[in-house]
């Protein structure tokens, strides 16, 4: 009977993972995750687009081309009315 118990104990111990090895793997995982987090936070701190990117013509082209949008209140050039009034009166 002692042989069977010894065999079962050895079998169970072989199937169980080593706690020191488990802790080492977990610690490596935590350190690697922390490094990746630092890198990600550093990348997030950089601006995605350069200064003035959204003022380029290709982003505002539709606003200039589409008369319905370009003549909307707030986008309309106030000097256009003055130029049109001045040219029609002369």
C-alpha atoms as a PDB file:
ATOM      1  CA  UNK A   1       0.000   0.000   0.000  1.00  0.00           C
ATOM      2  CA  UNK A   2       2.896   2.351   0.735  1.00  0.00           C
ATOM      3  CA  UNK A   3       4.185   1.857  -2.806  1.00  0.00           C
ATOM      4  CA  UNK A   4       0.879   3.004  -4.305  1.00  0.00           C
ATOM      5  CA  UNK A   5       0.746   6.072  -2.050  1.00  0.00           C
ATOM      6  CA  UNK A   6       4.337   6.969  -2.914  1.00  0.00           C
ATOM      7  CA  UNK A   7       3.639   6.503  -6.620  1.00  0.00           C
ATOM      8  CA  UNK A   8       0.492   8.666  -6.410  1.00  0.00           C
ATOM      9  CA  UNK A   9       2.345  11.365  -4.466  1.00  0.00           C
ATOM     10  CA  UNK A  10       5.159  11.499  -7.033  1.00  0.00           C
ATOM     11  CA  UNK A  11       2.636  11.556  -9.869  1.00  0.00           C
ATOM     12  CA  UNK A  12       0.733  14.454  -8.313  1.00  0.00           C
ATOM     13  CA  UNK A  13       3.923  16.394  -7.600  1.00  0.00           C
ATOM     14  CA  UNK A  14       5.086  15.928 -11.204  1.00  0.00           C
ATOM     15  CA  UNK A  15       1.738  17.183 -12.511  1.00  0.00           C
ATOM     16  CA  UNK A  16       1.788  20.274 -10.281  1.00  0.00           C
ATOM     17  CA  UNK A  17       3.709  23.289 -11.493  1.00  0.00           C
ATOM     18  CA  UNK A  18       6.685  24.594  -9.601  1.00  0.00           C
ATOM     19  CA  UNK A  19       5.663  27.706  -7.600  1.00  0.00           C
ATOM     20  CA  UNK A  20       9.090  29.306  -8.059  1.00  0.00           C
ATOM     21  CA  UNK A  21       8.900  28.823 -11.831  1.00  0.00           C
ATOM     22  CA  UNK A  22       5.306  30.108 -11.878  1.00  0.00           C
ATOM     23  CA  UNK A  23       6.312  33.242  -9.939  1.00  0.00           C
ATOM     24  CA  UNK A  24       9.272  33.840 -12.259  1.00  0.00           C
ATOM     25  CA  UNK A  25       7.073  33.593 -15.366  1.00  0.00           C
ATOM     26  CA  UNK A  26       4.458  35.882 -13.848  1.00  0.00           C
ATOM     27  CA  UNK A  27       7.099  38.441 -12.855  1.00  0.00           C
ATOM     28  CA  UNK A  28       8.538  38.400 -16.398  1.00  0.00           C
ATOM     29  CA  UNK A  29       5.036  38.872 -17.788  1.00  0.00           C
ATOM     30  CA  UNK A  30       4.360  41.832 -15.485  1.00  0.00           C
ATOM     31  CA  UNK A  31       7.683  43.499 -16.355  1.00  0.00           C
ATOM     32  CA  UNK A  32       7.122  42.995 -20.089  1.00  0.00           C
ATOM     33  CA  UNK A  33       3.616  44.440 -19.815  1.00  0.00           C
ATOM     34  CA  UNK A  34       4.950  47.432 -17.898  1.00  0.00           C
ATOM     35  CA  UNK A  35       7.557  48.091 -20.613  1.00  0.00           C
ATOM     36  CA  UNK A  36       4.908  47.872 -23.338  1.00  0.00           C
ATOM     37  CA  UNK A  37       2.715  50.244 -21.349  1.00  0.00           C
ATOM     38  CA  UNK A  38       5.535  52.780 -21.063  1.00  0.00           C
ATOM     39  CA  UNK A  39       6.121  52.581 -24.810  1.00  0.00           C
ATOM     40  CA  UNK A  40       2.410  52.970 -25.562  1.00  0.00           C
ATOM     41  CA  UNK A  41       2.040  55.969 -23.263  1.00  0.00           C
ATOM     42  CA  UNK A  42       5.084  57.577 -24.872  1.00  0.00           C
ATOM     43  CA  UNK A  43       3.602  57.051 -28.335  1.00  0.00           C
ATOM     44  CA  UNK A  44       0.268  58.503 -27.186  1.00  0.00           C
ATOM     45  CA  UNK A  45       2.024  61.647 -25.991  1.00  0.00           C
ATOM     46  CA  UNK A  46       3.206  62.447 -29.537  1.00  0.00           C
ATOM     47  CA  UNK A  47       0.914  64.534 -31.748  1.00  0.00           C
ATOM     48  CA  UNK A  48      -0.806  62.445 -34.382  1.00  0.00           C
ATOM     49  CA  UNK A  49      -0.814  65.171 -37.017  1.00  0.00           C
ATOM     50  CA  UNK A  50       1.637  68.031 -37.539  1.00  0.00           C
ATOM     51  CA  UNK A  51       0.635  71.571 -36.654  1.00  0.00           C
ATOM     52  CA  UNK A  52      -1.702  73.025 -39.280  1.00  0.00           C
ATOM     53  CA  UNK A  53      -2.525  69.636 -40.813  1.00  0.00           C
ATOM     54  CA  UNK A  54      -6.281  70.252 -40.917  1.00  0.00           C
ATOM     55  CA  UNK A  55      -5.862  73.645 -42.576  1.00  0.00           C
ATOM     56  CA  UNK A  56      -4.359  72.124 -45.719  1.00  0.00           C
ATOM     57  CA  UNK A  57      -6.351  72.706 -48.889  1.00  0.00           C
ATOM     58  CA  UNK A  58      -7.239  69.065 -49.395  1.00  0.00           C
ATOM     59  CA  UNK A  59      -9.180  69.046 -46.120  1.00  0.00           C
ATOM     60  CA  UNK A  60     -11.023  72.271 -46.842  1.00  0.00           C
ATOM     61  CA  UNK A  61     -11.525  71.678 -50.571  1.00  0.00           C
ATOM     62  CA  UNK A  62     -15.151  70.594 -50.266  1.00  0.00           C
ATOM     63  CA  UNK A  63     -15.937  73.680 -48.216  1.00  0.00           C
ATOM     64  CA  UNK A  64     -14.602  75.856 -51.033  1.00  0.00           C
ATOM     65  CA  UNK A  65     -16.095  73.886 -53.937  1.00  0.00           C
ATOM     66  CA  UNK A  66     -19.600  73.278 -52.657  1.00  0.00           C
ATOM     67  CA  UNK A  67     -21.490  76.584 -52.906  1.00  0.00           C
ATOM     68  CA  UNK A  68     -24.147  75.435 -50.447  1.00  0.00           C
ATOM     69  CA  UNK A  69     -21.486  74.923 -47.778  1.00  0.00           C
ATOM     70  CA  UNK A  70     -19.188  77.792 -48.730  1.00  0.00           C
ATOM     71  CA  UNK A  71     -21.995  80.372 -48.571  1.00  0.00           C
ATOM     72  CA  UNK A  72     -23.344  79.131 -45.227  1.00  0.00           C
ATOM     73  CA  UNK A  73     -23.477  81.679 -42.408  1.00  0.00           C
ATOM     74  CA  UNK A  74     -20.156  81.801 -40.637  1.00  0.00           C
ATOM     75  CA  UNK A  75     -18.236  80.493 -43.660  1.00  0.00           C
ATOM     76  CA  UNK A  76     -19.222  83.231 -46.039  1.00  0.00           C
ATOM     77  CA  UNK A  77     -16.584  85.856 -46.677  1.00  0.00           C
ATOM     78  CA  UNK A  78     -18.023  89.180 -45.470  1.00  0.00           C
ATOM     79  CA  UNK A  79     -16.009  91.084 -48.065  1.00  0.00           C
ATOM     80  CA  UNK A  80     -17.740  89.274 -50.936  1.00  0.00           C
ATOM     81  CA  UNK A  81     -20.904  91.252 -50.255  1.00  0.00           C
ATOM     82  CA  UNK A  82     -18.967  94.515 -50.276  1.00  0.00           C
ATOM     83  CA  UNK A  83     -17.231  93.609 -53.527  1.00  0.00           C
ATOM     84  CA  UNK A  84     -20.501  92.579 -55.168  1.00  0.00           C
ATOM     85  CA  UNK A  85     -22.287  95.730 -53.991  1.00  0.00           C
ATOM     86  CA  UNK A  86     -19.423  97.949 -55.115  1.00  0.00           C
ATOM     87  CA  UNK A  87     -19.165  96.392 -58.574  1.00  0.00           C
ATOM     88  CA  UNK A  88     -22.909  96.553 -59.258  1.00  0.00           C
ATOM     89  CA  UNK A  89     -23.220 100.252 -58.310  1.00  0.00           C
ATOM     90  CA  UNK A  90     -20.443 101.433 -60.633  1.00  0.00           C
END
